[in-house]
């Protein structure tokens, strides 16, 4: 992968275009390590692929073939590495925008799903194709996160059939937030990430944490969690900075 940081936005490019940006063991580990500890100046992230694909999943030669030589403990070591990527992405305080430039299949579809926002070009496609290779469709958190994006019925369809869906269908299902022209994709994704980066980083991080933590709690618990989160934000300097900017009729400058 290649990482470029500009104006507090990190752009991660999966960079194996000859292999449709398929992930290797090392790529998994590198992504996990980066999302666990992004540079402190980073306030938002764009992740995309080079060439004509976003990410085609695990590399057949580097990963799939090697897995047949492992016992169950070795296989579990690998599957836990893959789910660590989702954990790291969801725990990352900087919101993540997926810029889906082409096919996102298998683990690539999971990276799209685990991002906070998803913008695709008209060439963007998604396939949760685990069952196509004899594996459980509920991989890397798909059975938990996907129904919350597209509903249980659509998630069941995508995970049981493993069909490739195009950008327009993914947008209609609610998986993609927006579909744009191919030549506008990266600029649009970076514009969204830039808006986030220029906003209140502390409050944005609290918002992402709330969205994660409130997936499985009652309404009463969620209301108390949000009351506490808002009170915490009210003692942060950004709240005063926003108020002072409003009074002085100027853009706010956040910490």
C-alpha atoms as a PDB file:
ATOM      1  CA  UNK A   1       0.000   0.000   0.000  1.00  0.00           C
ATOM      2  CA  UNK A   2       1.010   3.619  -0.551  1.00  0.00           C
ATOM      3  CA  UNK A   3       0.092   6.352   1.934  1.00  0.00           C
ATOM      4  CA  UNK A   4       0.089  10.075   1.150  1.00  0.00           C
ATOM      5  CA  UNK A   5      -0.887  12.746   3.683  1.00  0.00           C
ATOM      6  CA  UNK A   6      -2.037  16.169   2.580  1.00  0.00           C
ATOM      7  CA  UNK A   7      -3.742  18.788   4.736  1.00  0.00           C
ATOM      8  CA  UNK A   8      -4.567  16.235   7.466  1.00  0.00           C
ATOM      9  CA  UNK A   9      -6.154  13.786   5.002  1.00  0.00           C
ATOM     10  CA  UNK A  10      -4.392  10.448   4.541  1.00  0.00           C
ATOM     11  CA  UNK A  11      -4.956   8.710   1.205  1.00  0.00           C
ATOM     12  CA  UNK A  12      -4.209   4.979   1.294  1.00  0.00           C
ATOM     13  CA  UNK A  13      -3.843   3.377  -2.135  1.00  0.00           C
ATOM     14  CA  UNK A  14      -3.834  -0.396  -2.416  1.00  0.00           C
ATOM     15  CA  UNK A  15      -1.081  -0.717  -4.980  1.00  0.00           C
ATOM     16  CA  UNK A  16      -0.889  -4.125  -6.654  1.00  0.00           C
ATOM     17  CA  UNK A  17      -2.757  -3.311  -9.875  1.00  0.00           C
ATOM     18  CA  UNK A  18      -1.400  -6.375 -11.688  1.00  0.00           C
ATOM     19  CA  UNK A  19      -3.154  -8.527  -9.050  1.00  0.00           C
ATOM     20  CA  UNK A  20      -6.273  -6.327  -8.843  1.00  0.00           C
ATOM     21  CA  UNK A  21      -4.904  -5.090  -5.499  1.00  0.00           C
ATOM     22  CA  UNK A  22      -5.363  -8.499  -3.885  1.00  0.00           C
ATOM     23  CA  UNK A  23      -4.248  -8.608  -0.263  1.00  0.00           C
ATOM     24  CA  UNK A  24      -1.255 -10.586   0.967  1.00  0.00           C
ATOM     25  CA  UNK A  25      -0.446 -11.580   4.544  1.00  0.00           C
ATOM     26  CA  UNK A  26       1.906  -8.595   4.715  1.00  0.00           C
ATOM     27  CA  UNK A  27      -0.740  -6.242   3.289  1.00  0.00           C
ATOM     28  CA  UNK A  28      -3.229  -7.314   5.939  1.00  0.00           C
ATOM     29  CA  UNK A  29      -0.669  -6.769   8.697  1.00  0.00           C
ATOM     30  CA  UNK A  30       0.371  -3.373   7.308  1.00  0.00           C
ATOM     31  CA  UNK A  31      -3.223  -2.141   7.104  1.00  0.00           C
ATOM     32  CA  UNK A  32      -3.978  -3.324  10.642  1.00  0.00           C
ATOM     33  CA  UNK A  33      -0.870  -1.595  11.996  1.00  0.00           C
ATOM     34  CA  UNK A  34      -1.618   1.662  10.159  1.00  0.00           C
ATOM     35  CA  UNK A  35      -5.261   1.918  11.251  1.00  0.00           C
ATOM     36  CA  UNK A  36      -4.339   1.067  14.829  1.00  0.00           C
ATOM     37  CA  UNK A  37      -1.886   3.968  15.014  1.00  0.00           C
ATOM     38  CA  UNK A  38      -2.341   6.540  12.228  1.00  0.00           C
ATOM     39  CA  UNK A  39      -0.040   9.579  12.288  1.00  0.00           C
ATOM     40  CA  UNK A  40      -1.327  12.073  14.873  1.00  0.00           C
ATOM     41  CA  UNK A  41      -1.929  14.810  12.299  1.00  0.00           C
ATOM     42  CA  UNK A  42      -4.398  12.654  10.332  1.00  0.00           C
ATOM     43  CA  UNK A  43      -8.045  13.636  10.814  1.00  0.00           C
ATOM     44  CA  UNK A  44      -9.649  11.631   8.012  1.00  0.00           C
ATOM     45  CA  UNK A  45      -8.708   8.850   5.618  1.00  0.00           C
ATOM     46  CA  UNK A  46      -9.449   7.964   1.998  1.00  0.00           C
ATOM     47  CA  UNK A  47      -8.816   4.378   0.909  1.00  0.00           C
ATOM     48  CA  UNK A  48      -8.825   3.416  -2.771  1.00  0.00           C
ATOM     49  CA  UNK A  49      -7.153   1.108  -5.261  1.00  0.00           C
ATOM     50  CA  UNK A  50      -4.747   1.620  -8.128  1.00  0.00           C
ATOM     51  CA  UNK A  51      -5.580   0.579 -11.666  1.00  0.00           C
ATOM     52  CA  UNK A  52      -8.966  -0.867 -12.526  1.00  0.00           C
ATOM     53  CA  UNK A  53      -9.826  -2.504  -9.185  1.00  0.00           C
ATOM     54  CA  UNK A  54     -10.418  -1.434  -5.619  1.00  0.00           C
ATOM     55  CA  UNK A  55      -9.443  -4.781  -4.079  1.00  0.00           C
ATOM     56  CA  UNK A  56     -10.200  -8.291  -5.305  1.00  0.00           C
ATOM     57  CA  UNK A  57      -9.833  -9.899  -1.861  1.00  0.00           C
ATOM     58  CA  UNK A  58      -7.171 -12.268  -0.594  1.00  0.00           C
ATOM     59  CA  UNK A  59      -4.453 -13.159  -3.067  1.00  0.00           C
ATOM     60  CA  UNK A  60      -5.048 -16.690  -4.377  1.00  0.00           C
ATOM     61  CA  UNK A  61      -1.344 -17.450  -4.721  1.00  0.00           C
ATOM     62  CA  UNK A  62      -0.026 -15.735  -1.600  1.00  0.00           C
ATOM     63  CA  UNK A  63      -2.836 -16.639   0.815  1.00  0.00           C
ATOM     64  CA  UNK A  64      -5.378 -19.160  -0.411  1.00  0.00           C
ATOM     65  CA  UNK A  65      -2.922 -21.798  -1.553  1.00  0.00           C
ATOM     66  CA  UNK A  66      -0.861 -21.490   1.606  1.00  0.00           C
ATOM     67  CA  UNK A  67      -3.897 -21.959   3.863  1.00  0.00           C
ATOM     68  CA  UNK A  68      -4.305 -25.593   2.774  1.00  0.00           C
ATOM     69  CA  UNK A  69      -1.051 -26.387   4.549  1.00  0.00           C
ATOM     70  CA  UNK A  70      -2.319 -25.081   7.914  1.00  0.00           C
ATOM     71  CA  UNK A  71      -4.085 -26.894  10.723  1.00  0.00           C
ATOM     72  CA  UNK A  72      -7.152 -25.407  12.397  1.00  0.00           C
ATOM     73  CA  UNK A  73      -5.063 -23.313  14.798  1.00  0.00           C
ATOM     74  CA  UNK A  74      -3.082 -21.882  11.904  1.00  0.00           C
ATOM     75  CA  UNK A  75      -6.274 -21.117  10.018  1.00  0.00           C
ATOM     76  CA  UNK A  76      -7.746 -19.396  13.063  1.00  0.00           C
ATOM     77  CA  UNK A  77      -4.581 -17.309  13.355  1.00  0.00           C
ATOM     78  CA  UNK A  78      -5.206 -16.059   9.809  1.00  0.00           C
ATOM     79  CA  UNK A  79      -8.928 -15.409  10.196  1.00  0.00           C
ATOM     80  CA  UNK A  80      -8.232 -13.456  13.383  1.00  0.00           C
ATOM     81  CA  UNK A  81      -5.739 -11.348  11.438  1.00  0.00           C
ATOM     82  CA  UNK A  82      -8.442 -10.537   8.893  1.00  0.00           C
ATOM     83  CA  UNK A  83     -10.986  -9.526  11.529  1.00  0.00           C
ATOM     84  CA  UNK A  84      -8.327  -7.409  13.231  1.00  0.00           C
ATOM     85  CA  UNK A  85      -8.432  -5.209  10.119  1.00  0.00           C
ATOM     86  CA  UNK A  86     -12.140  -4.498  10.657  1.00  0.00           C
ATOM     87  CA  UNK A  87     -11.529  -3.889  14.363  1.00  0.00           C
ATOM     88  CA  UNK A  88      -8.756  -1.437  13.561  1.00  0.00           C
ATOM     89  CA  UNK A  89     -10.816   0.415  10.943  1.00  0.00           C
ATOM     90  CA  UNK A  90     -13.844   0.746  13.208  1.00  0.00           C
ATOM     91  CA  UNK A  91     -11.698   1.820  16.194  1.00  0.00           C
ATOM     92  CA  UNK A  92      -9.739   4.375  14.156  1.00  0.00           C
ATOM     93  CA  UNK A  93     -10.798   7.829  15.378  1.00  0.00           C
ATOM     94  CA  UNK A  94     -10.285   9.346  11.922  1.00  0.00           C
ATOM     95  CA  UNK A  95     -13.368   8.697   9.752  1.00  0.00           C
ATOM     96  CA  UNK A  96     -12.646   6.613   6.653  1.00  0.00           C
ATOM     97  CA  UNK A  97     -13.980   7.297   3.160  1.00  0.00           C
ATOM     98  CA  UNK A  98     -13.799   4.395   0.693  1.00  0.00           C
ATOM     99  CA  UNK A  99     -13.299   5.557  -2.907  1.00  0.00           C
ATOM    100  CA  UNK A 100     -14.434   2.495  -4.852  1.00  0.00           C
ATOM    101  CA  UNK A 101     -12.803   2.758  -8.258  1.00  0.00           C
ATOM    102  CA  UNK A 102     -13.554  -0.767  -9.497  1.00  0.00           C
ATOM    103  CA  UNK A 103     -14.356  -4.249  -8.251  1.00  0.00           C
ATOM    104  CA  UNK A 104     -14.383  -4.702  -4.467  1.00  0.00           C
ATOM    105  CA  UNK A 105     -14.709  -8.424  -3.854  1.00  0.00           C
ATOM    106  CA  UNK A 106     -14.304 -10.631  -0.804  1.00  0.00           C
ATOM    107  CA  UNK A 107     -12.098  -8.828   1.691  1.00  0.00           C
ATOM    108  CA  UNK A 108     -12.231  -5.802  -0.609  1.00  0.00           C
ATOM    109  CA  UNK A 109     -16.003  -5.647  -0.109  1.00  0.00           C
ATOM    110  CA  UNK A 110     -15.424  -5.886   3.632  1.00  0.00           C
ATOM    111  CA  UNK A 111     -13.034  -2.913   3.567  1.00  0.00           C
ATOM    112  CA  UNK A 112     -15.725  -0.934   1.756  1.00  0.00           C
ATOM    113  CA  UNK A 113     -18.347  -2.015   4.289  1.00  0.00           C
ATOM    114  CA  UNK A 114     -16.103  -1.237   7.279  1.00  0.00           C
ATOM    115  CA  UNK A 115     -15.422   2.310   6.073  1.00  0.00           C
ATOM    116  CA  UNK A 116     -17.533   5.156   7.410  1.00  0.00           C
ATOM    117  CA  UNK A 117     -18.534   6.614   4.038  1.00  0.00           C
ATOM    118  CA  UNK A 118     -18.494   5.030   0.588  1.00  0.00           C
ATOM    119  CA  UNK A 119     -18.215   6.874  -2.722  1.00  0.00           C
ATOM    120  CA  UNK A 120     -17.968   4.859  -5.944  1.00  0.00           C
ATOM    121  CA  UNK A 121     -17.309   5.604  -9.554  1.00  0.00           C
ATOM    122  CA  UNK A 122     -19.708   4.257 -12.133  1.00  0.00           C
ATOM    123  CA  UNK A 123     -17.205   1.382 -12.519  1.00  0.00           C
ATOM    124  CA  UNK A 124     -17.487   0.448  -8.841  1.00  0.00           C
ATOM    125  CA  UNK A 125     -18.808  -3.021  -8.118  1.00  0.00           C
ATOM    126  CA  UNK A 126     -19.145  -5.098  -4.949  1.00  0.00           C
ATOM    127  CA  UNK A 127     -19.275  -8.840  -4.351  1.00  0.00           C
ATOM    128  CA  UNK A 128     -19.412 -10.633  -1.001  1.00  0.00           C
ATOM    129  CA  UNK A 129     -18.355 -13.820  -2.739  1.00  0.00           C
ATOM    130  CA  UNK A 130     -17.201 -15.983   0.183  1.00  0.00           C
ATOM    131  CA  UNK A 131     -19.852 -18.623  -0.449  1.00  0.00           C
ATOM    132  CA  UNK A 132     -18.660 -18.858  -4.064  1.00  0.00           C
ATOM    133  CA  UNK A 133     -15.484 -20.511  -2.737  1.00  0.00           C
ATOM    134  CA  UNK A 134     -17.209 -22.694  -0.163  1.00  0.00           C
ATOM    135  CA  UNK A 135     -16.772 -20.346   2.789  1.00  0.00           C
ATOM    136  CA  UNK A 136     -19.220 -18.788   5.225  1.00  0.00           C
ATOM    137  CA  UNK A 137     -20.751 -15.590   3.890  1.00  0.00           C
ATOM    138  CA  UNK A 138     -20.500 -14.136   7.400  1.00  0.00           C
ATOM    139  CA  UNK A 139     -16.819 -13.194   7.177  1.00  0.00           C
ATOM    140  CA  UNK A 140     -14.936 -10.337   8.833  1.00  0.00           C
ATOM    141  CA  UNK A 141     -18.038  -8.942  10.516  1.00  0.00           C
ATOM    142  CA  UNK A 142     -20.279  -8.961   7.440  1.00  0.00           C
ATOM    143  CA  UNK A 143     -23.255 -10.521   9.238  1.00  0.00           C
ATOM    144  CA  UNK A 144     -23.036  -7.825  11.914  1.00  0.00           C
ATOM    145  CA  UNK A 145     -22.311  -4.676   9.915  1.00  0.00           C
ATOM    146  CA  UNK A 146     -23.917  -5.292   6.524  1.00  0.00           C
ATOM    147  CA  UNK A 147     -27.546  -5.626   7.760  1.00  0.00           C
ATOM    148  CA  UNK A 148     -27.125  -2.285   9.484  1.00  0.00           C
ATOM    149  CA  UNK A 149     -26.188  -0.699   6.159  1.00  0.00           C
ATOM    150  CA  UNK A 150     -28.620  -2.368   3.769  1.00  0.00           C
ATOM    151  CA  UNK A 151     -31.165  -4.182   5.958  1.00  0.00           C
ATOM    152  CA  UNK A 152     -31.389  -7.867   6.853  1.00  0.00           C
ATOM    153  CA  UNK A 153     -33.109  -8.922   3.631  1.00  0.00           C
ATOM    154  CA  UNK A 154     -30.554  -7.300   1.328  1.00  0.00           C
ATOM    155  CA  UNK A 155     -27.650  -8.508   3.484  1.00  0.00           C
ATOM    156  CA  UNK A 156     -28.985 -12.068   3.344  1.00  0.00           C
ATOM    157  CA  UNK A 157     -29.256 -11.787  -0.437  1.00  0.00           C
ATOM    158  CA  UNK A 158     -25.708 -10.479  -0.821  1.00  0.00           C
ATOM    159  CA  UNK A 159     -24.107 -12.995   1.554  1.00  0.00           C
ATOM    160  CA  UNK A 160     -25.997 -16.095   0.351  1.00  0.00           C
ATOM    161  CA  UNK A 161     -25.922 -15.436  -3.397  1.00  0.00           C
ATOM    162  CA  UNK A 162     -22.522 -13.765  -3.622  1.00  0.00           C
ATOM    163  CA  UNK A 163     -23.572 -11.859  -6.721  1.00  0.00           C
ATOM    164  CA  UNK A 164     -21.610  -8.939  -8.121  1.00  0.00           C
ATOM    165  CA  UNK A 165     -23.702  -5.778  -7.838  1.00  0.00           C
ATOM    166  CA  UNK A 166     -22.980  -2.650  -9.843  1.00  0.00           C
ATOM    167  CA  UNK A 167     -22.606   0.872  -8.492  1.00  0.00           C
ATOM    168  CA  UNK A 168     -26.178   1.904  -9.154  1.00  0.00           C
ATOM    169  CA  UNK A 169     -27.536  -1.155  -7.354  1.00  0.00           C
ATOM    170  CA  UNK A 170     -25.174  -0.691  -4.416  1.00  0.00           C
ATOM    171  CA  UNK A 171     -26.295   2.929  -4.103  1.00  0.00           C
ATOM    172  CA  UNK A 172     -29.964   1.882  -4.269  1.00  0.00           C
ATOM    173  CA  UNK A 173     -29.363  -0.720  -1.545  1.00  0.00           C
ATOM    174  CA  UNK A 174     -27.687   1.909   0.661  1.00  0.00           C
ATOM    175  CA  UNK A 175     -24.208   0.397   0.534  1.00  0.00           C
ATOM    176  CA  UNK A 176     -22.765   3.310  -1.468  1.00  0.00           C
ATOM    177  CA  UNK A 177     -23.472   6.829  -0.268  1.00  0.00           C
ATOM    178  CA  UNK A 178     -22.871   8.322  -3.699  1.00  0.00           C
ATOM    179  CA  UNK A 179     -21.889   7.347  -7.241  1.00  0.00           C
ATOM    180  CA  UNK A 180     -19.888   9.787  -9.371  1.00  0.00           C
ATOM    181  CA  UNK A 181     -18.141   9.832 -12.729  1.00  0.00           C
ATOM    182  CA  UNK A 182     -14.927   7.849 -12.930  1.00  0.00           C
ATOM    183  CA  UNK A 183     -12.700  10.895 -13.363  1.00  0.00           C
ATOM    184  CA  UNK A 184     -14.318  12.662 -10.387  1.00  0.00           C
ATOM    185  CA  UNK A 185     -14.044   9.844  -7.842  1.00  0.00           C
ATOM    186  CA  UNK A 186     -10.817  10.603  -5.990  1.00  0.00           C
ATOM    187  CA  UNK A 187     -11.448  14.344  -5.898  1.00  0.00           C
ATOM    188  CA  UNK A 188     -14.942  13.799  -4.514  1.00  0.00           C
ATOM    189  CA  UNK A 189     -13.734  11.366  -1.863  1.00  0.00           C
ATOM    190  CA  UNK A 190     -10.918  13.688  -0.827  1.00  0.00           C
ATOM    191  CA  UNK A 191     -13.349  16.601  -0.707  1.00  0.00           C
ATOM    192  CA  UNK A 192     -15.550  14.692   1.737  1.00  0.00           C
ATOM    193  CA  UNK A 193     -12.487  13.700   3.759  1.00  0.00           C
ATOM    194  CA  UNK A 194     -11.295  17.308   3.679  1.00  0.00           C
ATOM    195  CA  UNK A 195     -14.587  18.564   5.073  1.00  0.00           C
ATOM    196  CA  UNK A 196     -14.260  16.059   7.910  1.00  0.00           C
ATOM    197  CA  UNK A 197     -10.592  16.944   8.496  1.00  0.00           C
ATOM    198  CA  UNK A 198     -11.461  20.627   8.769  1.00  0.00           C
ATOM    199  CA  UNK A 199     -14.214  19.917  11.272  1.00  0.00           C
ATOM    200  CA  UNK A 200     -13.951  19.219  15.012  1.00  0.00           C
ATOM    201  CA  UNK A 201     -11.738  16.135  15.221  1.00  0.00           C
ATOM    202  CA  UNK A 202     -12.621  15.382  18.843  1.00  0.00           C
ATOM    203  CA  UNK A 203     -16.364  15.572  18.203  1.00  0.00           C
ATOM    204  CA  UNK A 204     -16.060  13.571  14.966  1.00  0.00           C
ATOM    205  CA  UNK A 205     -14.189  10.846  16.841  1.00  0.00           C
ATOM    206  CA  UNK A 206     -16.895  10.813  19.512  1.00  0.00           C
ATOM    207  CA  UNK A 207     -19.553  10.541  16.798  1.00  0.00           C
ATOM    208  CA  UNK A 208     -17.845   7.534  15.226  1.00  0.00           C
ATOM    209  CA  UNK A 209     -17.448   5.898  18.625  1.00  0.00           C
ATOM    210  CA  UNK A 210     -21.141   6.437  19.371  1.00  0.00           C
ATOM    211  CA  UNK A 211     -22.160   4.899  16.052  1.00  0.00           C
ATOM    212  CA  UNK A 212     -20.024   1.853  16.870  1.00  0.00           C
ATOM    213  CA  UNK A 213     -21.081   1.421  20.493  1.00  0.00           C
ATOM    214  CA  UNK A 214     -24.790   2.020  20.010  1.00  0.00           C
ATOM    215  CA  UNK A 215     -25.268  -0.750  17.455  1.00  0.00           C
ATOM    216  CA  UNK A 216     -26.318  -3.212  20.158  1.00  0.00           C
ATOM    217  CA  UNK A 217     -27.782  -1.246  23.053  1.00  0.00           C
ATOM    218  CA  UNK A 218     -31.302  -0.235  24.052  1.00  0.00           C
ATOM    219  CA  UNK A 219     -32.660   3.205  23.291  1.00  0.00           C
ATOM    220  CA  UNK A 220     -32.486   4.162  26.969  1.00  0.00           C
ATOM    221  CA  UNK A 221     -28.826   3.137  27.150  1.00  0.00           C
ATOM    222  CA  UNK A 222     -28.093   4.996  23.914  1.00  0.00           C
ATOM    223  CA  UNK A 223     -29.721   8.152  25.219  1.00  0.00           C
ATOM    224  CA  UNK A 224     -27.583   8.090  28.366  1.00  0.00           C
ATOM    225  CA  UNK A 225     -24.433   7.384  26.342  1.00  0.00           C
ATOM    226  CA  UNK A 226     -25.178  10.348  24.086  1.00  0.00           C
ATOM    227  CA  UNK A 227     -25.951  12.619  27.044  1.00  0.00           C
ATOM    228  CA  UNK A 228     -22.531  11.788  28.484  1.00  0.00           C
ATOM    229  CA  UNK A 229     -20.775  12.162  25.130  1.00  0.00           C
ATOM    230  CA  UNK A 230     -22.333  15.568  24.522  1.00  0.00           C
ATOM    231  CA  UNK A 231     -21.433  16.796  28.006  1.00  0.00           C
ATOM    232  CA  UNK A 232     -17.828  15.737  27.402  1.00  0.00           C
ATOM    233  CA  UNK A 233     -17.773  17.601  24.075  1.00  0.00           C
ATOM    234  CA  UNK A 234     -19.139  20.702  25.810  1.00  0.00           C
ATOM    235  CA  UNK A 235     -16.022  20.964  27.953  1.00  0.00           C
ATOM    236  CA  UNK A 236     -13.730  20.562  24.945  1.00  0.00           C
ATOM    237  CA  UNK A 237     -12.222  23.800  23.541  1.00  0.00           C
ATOM    238  CA  UNK A 238     -13.800  23.169  20.139  1.00  0.00           C
ATOM    239  CA  UNK A 239     -17.272  23.889  21.493  1.00  0.00           C
ATOM    240  CA  UNK A 240     -16.187  27.364  22.619  1.00  0.00           C
ATOM    241  CA  UNK A 241     -14.249  27.862  19.389  1.00  0.00           C
ATOM    242  CA  UNK A 242     -17.396  27.195  17.346  1.00  0.00           C
ATOM    243  CA  UNK A 243     -19.436  29.575  19.483  1.00  0.00           C
ATOM    244  CA  UNK A 244     -16.854  32.372  19.313  1.00  0.00           C
ATOM    245  CA  UNK A 245     -16.636  31.959  15.543  1.00  0.00           C
ATOM    246  CA  UNK A 246     -20.429  32.212  15.253  1.00  0.00           C
ATOM    247  CA  UNK A 247     -20.472  35.396  17.339  1.00  0.00           C
ATOM    248  CA  UNK A 248     -17.614  36.900  15.334  1.00  0.00           C
ATOM    249  CA  UNK A 249     -19.114  35.736  12.012  1.00  0.00           C
ATOM    250  CA  UNK A 250     -16.006  33.826  10.862  1.00  0.00           C
ATOM    251  CA  UNK A 251     -15.142  30.172  10.225  1.00  0.00           C
ATOM    252  CA  UNK A 252     -14.215  28.247  13.367  1.00  0.00           C
ATOM    253  CA  UNK A 253     -10.651  27.104  13.996  1.00  0.00           C
ATOM    254  CA  UNK A 254     -10.653  23.778  15.831  1.00  0.00           C
ATOM    255  CA  UNK A 255      -7.925  22.293  17.985  1.00  0.00           C
END
